Amino acid sequence: MTARLDPATLRAAWWTARSLRRARRQLRNRQLSEVRLPAPPALPERAGRGVSAVLWRTSPTCLERALVLQRWLAAHGSPYDVVIGVTAPADGFAAHAWLDGEDDARAYAELTRLPA
């Protein structure tokens, strides 16, 4: 059985696609602290499945994903910092971004935070 997409979920998906494009463009041309995403439309929290669907299907970078989710969640009363961390060069250098509270933090040393 296919679930029907309601207008709120579609609007959330549209906002996510637009915000993701804007984040990609701004991350190429601006300092991280200057990245600004549009405010999400006033939608019920359940419309977040549209956000999740777009992020899952478009394969954003971890930083793009974290910035878009941070904006959506903050608009719905759940502010989270974006955390950026790295692994030690001896462990094979890697960088990653996530929302504070996600499980991704275990292997990374925190470099910086972007407050909600």
C-alpha atoms as a PDB file:
ATOM      1  CA  MET A   1       0.000   0.000   0.000  1.00  0.00           C
ATOM      2  CA  THR A   2       1.368   3.399  -0.964  1.00  0.00           C
ATOM      3  CA  ALA A   3       1.106   6.211   1.563  1.00  0.00           C
ATOM      4  CA  ARG A   4      -0.429   9.371   0.196  1.00  0.00           C
ATOM      5  CA  LEU A   5       1.637  12.494   0.437  1.00  0.00           C
ATOM      6  CA  ASP A   6      -0.195  15.305   2.096  1.00  0.00           C
ATOM      7  CA  PRO A   7       0.395  18.971   1.144  1.00  0.00           C
ATOM      8  CA  ALA A   8       2.391  19.683   4.316  1.00  0.00           C
ATOM      9  CA  THR A   9       4.845  16.868   3.583  1.00  0.00           C
ATOM     10  CA  LEU A  10       5.233  18.053   0.001  1.00  0.00           C
ATOM     11  CA  ARG A  11       5.878  21.625   1.142  1.00  0.00           C
ATOM     12  CA  ALA A  12       8.486  20.369   3.605  1.00  0.00           C
ATOM     13  CA  ALA A  13      10.150  18.358   0.830  1.00  0.00           C
ATOM     14  CA  TRP A  14      10.162  21.399  -1.451  1.00  0.00           C
ATOM     15  CA  TRP A  15      11.662  23.548   1.313  1.00  0.00           C
ATOM     16  CA  THR A  16      14.334  20.913   1.929  1.00  0.00           C
ATOM     17  CA  ALA A  17      15.335  20.672  -1.740  1.00  0.00           C
ATOM     18  CA  ARG A  18      15.527  24.460  -1.975  1.00  0.00           C
ATOM     19  CA  SER A  19      17.486  24.764   1.279  1.00  0.00           C
ATOM     20  CA  LEU A  20      19.879  22.015   0.274  1.00  0.00           C
ATOM     21  CA  ARG A  21      20.647  23.762  -3.033  1.00  0.00           C
ATOM     22  CA  ARG A  22      21.169  27.029  -1.176  1.00  0.00           C
ATOM     23  CA  ALA A  23      23.460  25.378   1.387  1.00  0.00           C
ATOM     24  CA  ARG A  24      25.580  23.790  -1.364  1.00  0.00           C
ATOM     25  CA  ARG A  25      25.946  27.081  -3.192  1.00  0.00           C
ATOM     26  CA  GLN A  26      26.752  29.061  -0.059  1.00  0.00           C
ATOM     27  CA  LEU A  27      29.264  26.526   1.249  1.00  0.00           C
ATOM     28  CA  ARG A  28      31.208  26.906  -2.006  1.00  0.00           C
ATOM     29  CA  ASN A  29      31.258  30.710  -1.895  1.00  0.00           C
ATOM     30  CA  ARG A  30      31.074  31.786   1.754  1.00  0.00           C
ATOM     31  CA  GLN A  31      32.520  31.208   5.171  1.00  0.00           C
ATOM     32  CA  LEU A  32      30.630  28.586   7.159  1.00  0.00           C
ATOM     33  CA  SER A  33      29.479  31.218   9.660  1.00  0.00           C
ATOM     34  CA  GLU A  34      27.851  33.159   6.797  1.00  0.00           C
ATOM     35  CA  VAL A  35      25.637  30.323   5.514  1.00  0.00           C
ATOM     36  CA  ARG A  36      21.969  31.297   5.834  1.00  0.00           C
ATOM     37  CA  LEU A  37      19.087  29.003   4.968  1.00  0.00           C
ATOM     38  CA  PRO A  38      15.484  30.093   4.468  1.00  0.00           C
ATOM     39  CA  ALA A  39      13.060  29.648   7.318  1.00  0.00           C
ATOM     40  CA  PRO A  40      10.911  26.548   6.965  1.00  0.00           C
ATOM     41  CA  PRO A  41       7.242  27.165   6.261  1.00  0.00           C
ATOM     42  CA  ALA A  42       4.910  26.873   9.234  1.00  0.00           C
ATOM     43  CA  LEU A  43       4.111  23.178   9.005  1.00  0.00           C
ATOM     44  CA  PRO A  44       3.305  20.458  11.505  1.00  0.00           C
ATOM     45  CA  GLU A  45       6.226  18.435  12.804  1.00  0.00           C
ATOM     46  CA  ARG A  46       4.896  15.316  11.027  1.00  0.00           C
ATOM     47  CA  ALA A  47       5.772  17.003   7.705  1.00  0.00           C
ATOM     48  CA  GLY A  48       9.375  16.245   8.623  1.00  0.00           C
ATOM     49  CA  ARG A  49       9.038  12.996   6.710  1.00  0.00           C
ATOM     50  CA  GLY A  50       9.293  15.166   3.571  1.00  0.00           C
ATOM     51  CA  VAL A  51      12.567  16.571   4.925  1.00  0.00           C
ATOM     52  CA  SER A  52      13.880  13.083   5.627  1.00  0.00           C
ATOM     53  CA  ALA A  53      12.842  11.788   2.209  1.00  0.00           C
ATOM     54  CA  VAL A  54      14.657  14.529   0.310  1.00  0.00           C
ATOM     55  CA  LEU A  55      17.798  14.212   2.416  1.00  0.00           C
ATOM     56  CA  TRP A  56      17.809  10.443   1.954  1.00  0.00           C
ATOM     57  CA  ARG A  57      17.298  10.600  -1.830  1.00  0.00           C
ATOM     58  CA  THR A  58      19.710  13.434  -2.632  1.00  0.00           C
ATOM     59  CA  SER A  59      22.778  12.166  -0.737  1.00  0.00           C
ATOM     60  CA  PRO A  60      23.917  15.494   0.729  1.00  0.00           C
ATOM     61  CA  THR A  61      27.266  15.849   2.450  1.00  0.00           C
ATOM     62  CA  CYS A  62      27.161  15.428   6.200  1.00  0.00           C
ATOM     63  CA  LEU A  63      27.552  19.196   6.639  1.00  0.00           C
ATOM     64  CA  GLU A  64      24.748  20.027   4.205  1.00  0.00           C
ATOM     65  CA  ARG A  65      22.485  17.497   5.928  1.00  0.00           C
ATOM     66  CA  ALA A  66      23.292  18.831   9.394  1.00  0.00           C
ATOM     67  CA  LEU A  67      22.658  22.458   8.392  1.00  0.00           C
ATOM     68  CA  VAL A  68      19.280  21.698   6.803  1.00  0.00           C
ATOM     69  CA  LEU A  69      18.152  19.506   9.695  1.00  0.00           C
ATOM     70  CA  GLN A  70      19.324  22.079  12.218  1.00  0.00           C
ATOM     71  CA  ARG A  71      17.161  24.752  10.557  1.00  0.00           C
ATOM     72  CA  TRP A  72      14.097  22.481  10.366  1.00  0.00           C
ATOM     73  CA  LEU A  73      14.363  21.217  13.934  1.00  0.00           C
ATOM     74  CA  ALA A  74      14.994  24.671  15.409  1.00  0.00           C
ATOM     75  CA  ALA A  75      11.832  25.938  13.709  1.00  0.00           C
ATOM     76  CA  HIS A  76       9.952  23.131  15.460  1.00  0.00           C
ATOM     77  CA  GLY A  77      11.248  23.910  18.936  1.00  0.00           C
ATOM     78  CA  SER A  78      14.228  21.541  19.022  1.00  0.00           C
ATOM     79  CA  PRO A  79      17.422  23.568  18.641  1.00  0.00           C
ATOM     80  CA  TYR A  80      20.580  21.518  18.100  1.00  0.00           C
ATOM     81  CA  ASP A  81      24.134  22.660  17.494  1.00  0.00           C
ATOM     82  CA  VAL A  82      25.919  21.460  14.369  1.00  0.00           C
ATOM     83  CA  VAL A  83      29.168  19.844  15.475  1.00  0.00           C
ATOM     84  CA  ILE A  84      32.180  19.425  13.199  1.00  0.00           C
ATOM     85  CA  GLY A  85      34.888  16.989  14.183  1.00  0.00           C
ATOM     86  CA  VAL A  86      37.889  15.108  12.845  1.00  0.00           C
ATOM     87  CA  THR A  87      39.710  11.868  13.513  1.00  0.00           C
ATOM     88  CA  ALA A  88      43.403  11.733  14.313  1.00  0.00           C
ATOM     89  CA  PRO A  89      45.732  11.495  11.303  1.00  0.00           C
ATOM     90  CA  ALA A  90      47.148   8.282  12.765  1.00  0.00           C
ATOM     91  CA  ASP A  91      43.664   6.770  12.468  1.00  0.00           C
ATOM     92  CA  GLY A  92      43.311   7.861   8.831  1.00  0.00           C
ATOM     93  CA  PHE A  93      42.136  11.469   8.796  1.00  0.00           C
ATOM     94  CA  ALA A  94      38.416  12.009   8.333  1.00  0.00           C
ATOM     95  CA  ALA A  95      36.095  14.941   8.981  1.00  0.00           C
ATOM     96  CA  HIS A  96      32.394  14.755   9.796  1.00  0.00           C
ATOM     97  CA  ALA A  97      29.487  17.023  10.752  1.00  0.00           C
ATOM     98  CA  TRP A  98      26.449  16.019  12.773  1.00  0.00           C
ATOM     99  CA  LEU A  99      23.797  17.407  15.076  1.00  0.00           C
ATOM    100  CA  ASP A 100      24.673  17.421  18.769  1.00  0.00           C
ATOM    101  CA  GLY A 101      23.140  14.351  20.335  1.00  0.00           C
ATOM    102  CA  GLU A 102      23.473  12.085  17.303  1.00  0.00           C
ATOM    103  CA  ASP A 103      25.576   8.960  17.785  1.00  0.00           C
ATOM    104  CA  ASP A 104      28.147  10.030  15.183  1.00  0.00           C
ATOM    105  CA  ALA A 105      30.324  11.777  17.772  1.00  0.00           C
ATOM    106  CA  ARG A 106      32.143   8.764  19.171  1.00  0.00           C
ATOM    107  CA  ALA A 107      35.046   8.558  16.710  1.00  0.00           C
ATOM    108  CA  TYR A 108      35.605  12.294  16.191  1.00  0.00           C
ATOM    109  CA  ALA A 109      37.354  15.022  18.143  1.00  0.00           C
ATOM    110  CA  GLU A 110      35.209  18.156  18.105  1.00  0.00           C
ATOM    111  CA  LEU A 111      36.669  21.132  16.239  1.00  0.00           C
ATOM    112  CA  THR A 112      33.805  23.589  16.251  1.00  0.00           C
ATOM    113  CA  ARG A 113      30.086  24.097  16.831  1.00  0.00           C
ATOM    114  CA  LEU A 114      27.498  26.131  15.030  1.00  0.00           C
ATOM    115  CA  PRO A 115      24.827  27.109  17.554  1.00  0.00           C
ATOM    116  CA  ALA A 116      21.188  26.626  16.644  1.00  0.00           C
END
